[in-house]
């Protein structure tokens, strides 16, 4: 049978194809390789943001990576797809390839990414074992979806996690290090209790541990009514909390 060392079956070889995308890898194989090199599989949101390269707004959304031209004559210069031949019997190779093509055979998009459409499907993070997500289309897909999938920027499918075929591969992703942002929130000790620090195990410590003093910042608030009836001191402090991350747009 075919596998990544013999991608076209017995007698074939991956030699002289080092620049082609690796194929015949399951979702777990791909995820483990990404982990081994210190990266991970891309998520759908970040993959589509990279694929659209800025063309995802209501006024500049495009159907394909190269624009909206839906002819093979135009597409053959930008992506490795099937073409006009009858599938699966006649591959005219208008794009000069009948199988996978080497990376960088076609122009990159505005963000410098290659083969976001065509060549091979790409495994994504997430999904369930029986329905893992792939994006991008492959060399056996068509422009208009008349057979297999339409190779648009929105091309999406699901496969069993153990699937291993000659038109499914992957790419690695490494997110930038995010800066942790903080803000201050009022804390009334008479209502919510004394300020404390919660460690990674969920245990609260009333006295800060060594090297954790900067995690707790208390600002005494001195309101006009410093003492309530009954001579009880009003204690309102401010605690430093992590500002939750929010998405700026739901376009993708």
Protein backbone atom coordinates (compact mmCIF):
# COMPACT_ATOMS: atom_id res chain seq x y z
CA UNK A 1 0.00 0.00 0.00
CA UNK A 2 0.92 3.65 -0.28
CA UNK A 3 2.35 5.58 2.64
CA UNK A 4 4.56 8.64 3.05
CA UNK A 5 7.78 6.85 2.00
CA UNK A 6 6.04 5.36 -1.07
CA UNK A 7 3.35 7.97 -1.79
CA UNK A 8 2.16 6.29 -5.00
CA UNK A 9 2.40 2.69 -3.83
CA UNK A 10 5.05 0.02 -4.10
CA UNK A 11 8.02 1.04 -6.19
CA UNK A 12 7.49 4.80 -5.81
CA UNK A 13 9.64 6.97 -3.58
CA UNK A 14 9.65 10.32 -1.88
CA UNK A 15 13.20 10.90 -3.13
CA UNK A 16 13.51 13.89 -5.46
CA UNK A 17 10.17 15.04 -4.04
CA UNK A 18 11.46 16.67 -0.86
CA UNK A 19 9.94 20.00 -1.87
CA UNK A 20 6.48 18.49 -2.38
CA UNK A 21 3.99 18.51 0.51
CA UNK A 22 4.14 15.36 2.62
CA UNK A 23 1.06 13.16 2.11
CA UNK A 24 -0.34 9.94 3.54
CA UNK A 25 -0.20 11.27 7.10
CA UNK A 26 -3.05 10.97 9.58
CA UNK A 27 -4.23 13.82 11.77
CA UNK A 28 -2.29 12.47 14.73
CA UNK A 29 0.87 12.00 12.66
CA UNK A 30 0.66 15.62 11.55
CA UNK A 31 -0.03 16.92 15.06
CA UNK A 32 2.83 14.91 16.56
CA UNK A 33 5.28 16.14 13.95
CA UNK A 34 4.27 19.76 14.59
CA UNK A 35 4.78 19.20 18.31
CA UNK A 36 8.20 17.66 17.66
CA UNK A 37 9.40 20.80 15.84
CA UNK A 38 7.97 23.10 18.51
CA UNK A 39 4.88 24.16 16.57
CA UNK A 40 1.27 23.01 16.09
CA UNK A 41 -1.43 22.59 13.48
CA UNK A 42 -3.17 25.85 12.53
CA UNK A 43 -6.68 26.61 13.71
CA UNK A 44 -9.43 27.37 11.22
CA UNK A 45 -9.68 31.04 12.13
CA UNK A 46 -5.99 31.73 11.71
CA UNK A 47 -5.76 29.54 8.58
CA UNK A 48 -8.56 31.44 6.85
CA UNK A 49 -7.13 34.80 7.92
CA UNK A 50 -3.82 33.74 6.35
CA UNK A 51 -5.53 32.38 3.22
CA UNK A 52 -7.64 35.49 2.61
CA UNK A 53 -4.66 37.77 3.31
CA UNK A 54 -6.82 40.76 4.22
CA UNK A 55 -9.66 40.04 1.77
CA UNK A 56 -12.35 39.09 4.27
CA UNK A 57 -14.34 42.30 4.77
CA UNK A 58 -17.83 42.93 3.40
CA UNK A 59 -16.46 45.05 0.54
CA UNK A 60 -13.29 43.20 -0.47
CA UNK A 61 -14.08 39.51 0.04
CA UNK A 62 -12.89 37.40 -2.91
CA UNK A 63 -13.87 33.90 -3.98
CA UNK A 64 -10.37 32.68 -4.81
CA UNK A 65 -6.88 33.57 -3.66
CA UNK A 66 -6.25 35.37 -6.96
CA UNK A 67 -9.59 37.19 -7.11
CA UNK A 68 -12.96 36.26 -8.62
CA UNK A 69 -11.90 34.99 -12.07
CA UNK A 70 -13.29 31.47 -12.31
CA UNK A 71 -11.64 30.19 -15.48
CA UNK A 72 -9.02 27.47 -15.71
CA UNK A 73 -6.98 29.74 -17.96
CA UNK A 74 -6.48 32.11 -15.02
CA UNK A 75 -6.44 29.57 -12.19
CA UNK A 76 -3.67 27.42 -13.71
CA UNK A 77 -1.17 30.18 -12.93
CA UNK A 78 -2.12 30.34 -9.25
CA UNK A 79 -3.08 26.87 -8.00
CA UNK A 80 -2.65 23.16 -8.63
CA UNK A 81 -6.18 21.94 -9.49
CA UNK A 82 -7.71 19.37 -11.83
CA UNK A 83 -8.64 21.55 -14.79
CA UNK A 84 -11.11 20.91 -17.61
CA UNK A 85 -10.45 17.20 -18.22
CA UNK A 86 -13.08 14.61 -17.37
CA UNK A 87 -12.57 13.43 -13.81
CA UNK A 88 -11.08 10.95 -13.00
CA UNK A 89 -10.05 9.72 -16.45
CA UNK A 90 -8.51 12.70 -18.17
CA UNK A 91 -6.07 15.03 -16.42
CA UNK A 92 -4.93 17.58 -18.99
CA UNK A 93 -2.35 19.06 -16.59
CA UNK A 94 -3.00 22.64 -17.67
CA UNK A 95 -1.02 23.70 -14.59
CA UNK A 96 1.88 21.36 -15.58
CA UNK A 97 1.20 18.89 -12.74
CA UNK A 98 -0.84 15.68 -12.61
CA UNK A 99 -0.18 15.10 -8.91
CA UNK A 100 1.25 17.22 -6.13
CA UNK A 101 3.48 20.14 -7.07
CA UNK A 102 6.53 21.49 -5.23
CA UNK A 103 5.91 24.25 -2.73
CA UNK A 104 6.46 27.73 -4.24
CA UNK A 105 5.51 26.55 -7.73
CA UNK A 106 2.84 29.27 -7.71
CA UNK A 107 2.86 32.87 -6.48
CA UNK A 108 2.31 33.54 -2.79
CA UNK A 109 -0.56 35.63 -1.50
CA UNK A 110 -0.19 39.12 -0.04
CA UNK A 111 0.98 37.70 3.30
CA UNK A 112 3.62 35.44 1.76
CA UNK A 113 1.79 32.10 2.12
CA UNK A 114 1.97 29.49 -0.65
CA UNK A 115 -0.57 26.88 -1.78
CA UNK A 116 -3.46 28.06 0.38
CA UNK A 117 -5.69 26.80 -2.44
CA UNK A 118 -5.12 23.49 -4.20
CA UNK A 119 -2.21 21.01 -4.15
CA UNK A 120 -3.26 19.14 -0.96
CA UNK A 121 -5.90 19.47 1.73
CA UNK A 122 -4.46 20.60 5.06
CA UNK A 123 -5.27 19.19 8.50
CA UNK A 124 -6.59 21.72 11.05
CA UNK A 125 -6.68 21.75 14.81
CA UNK A 126 -9.92 20.75 16.48
CA UNK A 127 -12.83 18.66 15.35
CA UNK A 128 -13.58 15.15 16.58
CA UNK A 129 -11.68 11.97 15.81
CA UNK A 130 -14.31 10.82 13.33
CA UNK A 131 -14.62 14.28 11.77
CA UNK A 132 -11.29 16.09 11.64
CA UNK A 133 -11.27 19.32 9.65
CA UNK A 134 -9.31 19.91 6.43
CA UNK A 135 -9.10 23.13 4.44
CA UNK A 136 -7.82 24.40 1.10
CA UNK A 137 -8.81 21.84 -1.54
CA UNK A 138 -6.40 19.67 -3.53
CA UNK A 139 -5.16 18.81 -7.02
CA UNK A 140 -8.23 16.60 -7.65
CA UNK A 141 -10.73 19.40 -6.97
CA UNK A 142 -12.45 21.67 -9.47
CA UNK A 143 -12.96 25.41 -9.69
CA UNK A 144 -16.76 25.35 -9.77
CA UNK A 145 -17.45 22.22 -7.72
CA UNK A 146 -18.79 20.26 -10.71
CA UNK A 147 -16.85 17.30 -9.28
CA UNK A 148 -15.29 16.82 -5.86
CA UNK A 149 -15.04 20.17 -4.05
CA UNK A 150 -15.04 23.74 -5.32
CA UNK A 151 -11.51 25.02 -4.63
CA UNK A 152 -12.52 28.39 -3.17
CA UNK A 153 -10.99 30.08 -0.14
CA UNK A 154 -13.89 28.68 1.87
CA UNK A 155 -13.24 25.05 0.80
CA UNK A 156 -13.76 22.86 3.85
CA UNK A 157 -14.33 19.20 4.53
CA UNK A 158 -14.07 16.65 7.33
CA UNK A 159 -12.25 13.32 7.34
CA UNK A 160 -11.78 10.52 9.80
CA UNK A 161 -8.68 11.18 11.91
CA UNK A 162 -6.99 8.03 10.62
CA UNK A 163 -7.42 8.97 6.94
CA UNK A 164 -4.25 8.70 4.89
CA UNK A 165 -4.47 9.70 1.22
CA UNK A 166 -2.28 11.16 -1.49
CA UNK A 167 -4.06 14.53 -1.48
CA UNK A 168 -4.06 15.34 2.25
CA UNK A 169 -1.12 16.98 3.98
CA UNK A 170 -0.54 19.70 6.56
CA UNK A 171 1.45 22.78 7.48
CA UNK A 172 2.90 23.85 10.81
CA UNK A 173 1.98 27.04 12.63
CA UNK A 174 3.56 28.91 15.52
CA UNK A 175 1.58 31.70 17.16
CA UNK A 176 3.34 34.85 18.35
CA UNK A 177 3.86 35.28 22.06
CA UNK A 178 0.94 37.25 23.40
CA UNK A 179 1.40 40.03 25.92
CA UNK A 180 -0.67 39.58 29.08
CA UNK A 181 -2.74 42.69 29.74
CA UNK A 182 -4.10 43.67 33.14
CA UNK A 183 -6.68 46.05 34.50
CA UNK A 184 -7.85 47.00 37.99
CA UNK A 185 -11.16 45.99 39.47
CA UNK A 186 -12.77 47.29 42.64
CA UNK A 187 -12.97 44.77 45.48
CA UNK A 188 -15.15 45.35 48.53
CA UNK A 189 -13.74 43.21 51.34
CA UNK A 190 -16.91 43.53 53.36
CA UNK A 191 -18.82 41.78 50.56
CA UNK A 192 -16.30 39.55 48.81
CA UNK A 193 -13.86 38.83 51.61
CA UNK A 194 -10.17 39.55 51.97
CA UNK A 195 -8.02 39.76 48.83
CA UNK A 196 -6.06 36.61 48.08
CA UNK A 197 -3.83 35.09 45.40
CA UNK A 198 -4.92 31.92 43.63
CA UNK A 199 -2.11 29.63 42.49
CA UNK A 200 -2.07 27.27 39.50
CA UNK A 201 -3.76 24.55 41.58
CA UNK A 202 -6.74 26.74 42.50
CA UNK A 203 -5.67 27.26 46.12
CA UNK A 204 -6.01 30.76 47.53
CA UNK A 205 -3.24 32.31 49.62
CA UNK A 206 -3.98 35.28 51.85
CA UNK A 207 -0.28 36.14 52.12
CA UNK A 208 1.63 36.48 48.81
CA UNK A 209 4.34 33.92 48.12
CA UNK A 210 7.86 34.98 47.36
CA UNK A 211 8.23 36.47 43.87
CA UNK A 212 4.44 36.86 43.63
CA UNK A 213 4.18 40.27 45.27
CA UNK A 214 3.64 41.93 41.89
CA UNK A 215 0.57 39.81 41.24
CA UNK A 216 -1.34 41.59 43.99
CA UNK A 217 -1.63 45.35 43.85
CA UNK A 218 -3.84 47.00 46.45
CA UNK A 219 -4.91 50.63 46.31
CA UNK A 220 -6.63 51.94 49.42
CA UNK A 221 -9.66 53.99 48.46
CA UNK A 222 -10.54 56.83 50.82
CA UNK A 223 -14.15 57.84 50.14
CA UNK A 224 -15.84 60.77 51.83
CA UNK A 225 -17.81 58.44 54.13
CA UNK A 226 -14.73 56.82 55.61
CA UNK A 227 -16.66 55.44 58.54
CA UNK A 228 -20.14 54.01 58.36
CA UNK A 229 -22.71 53.97 61.12
CA UNK A 230 -21.48 51.89 64.01
CA UNK A 231 -17.90 53.10 63.50
CA UNK A 232 -17.22 50.27 60.98
CA UNK A 233 -14.40 51.12 58.60
CA UNK A 234 -15.33 50.83 54.89
CA UNK A 235 -12.74 48.78 53.02
CA UNK A 236 -12.82 49.09 49.23
CA UNK A 237 -9.64 48.06 47.47
CA UNK A 238 -8.59 47.46 43.88
CA UNK A 239 -7.23 44.18 42.64
CA UNK A 240 -5.12 43.53 39.56
CA UNK A 241 -6.74 41.02 37.19
CA UNK A 242 -5.90 39.68 33.75
CA UNK A 243 -7.84 41.37 30.96
CA UNK A 244 -9.61 38.64 28.91
CA UNK A 245 -8.76 38.40 25.21
CA UNK A 246 -11.54 39.34 22.80
CA UNK A 247 -11.83 38.97 19.05
CA UNK A 248 -12.00 42.22 17.16
CA UNK A 249 -14.25 40.87 14.41
CA UNK A 250 -16.44 37.88 13.60
CA UNK A 251 -15.88 38.15 9.86
CA UNK A 252 -13.75 34.99 9.62
